[in-house]
């Protein structure tokens, strides 16, 4: 099955095709879940987009709040295969669940290495219980 999107056509995964047929139910993929390698608990949820409009993050922010972890959305250039173009980062801390909640932190025109630093910083603040 093919879906026409702003960035062009994209093939659905078989799971997504079946899930879209379930009446009255919605689903959302998550681009990245960062978790502690020791205790396996999630530390961060991430969504990435190349679109210039707004990106729906409310469901992801609700999941992050239930888990007690932040949500980070990055906006990047679609053709940035060499990671040389700047990105914008938007961070919501747990509790920012209203539909129009503004990000708690915004970093525009950041480098990809800034993203790695943010991810490492979130990991270093994680309280691992060692189980």
Foldseek 3Di string as FASTA:
>chain_A
DWDQDPVGIDDDDPVVVVVVPDPPDDDDDFPDFDADPQQRQTQETEAEEQDPDDDFCQVVLQVCLVSQHKYKYKHDHPPPPVQPWFIKIFIAGRPQRDRPRGGPDIDGRHGVVVVVVVVVVSNVPDDDPRD
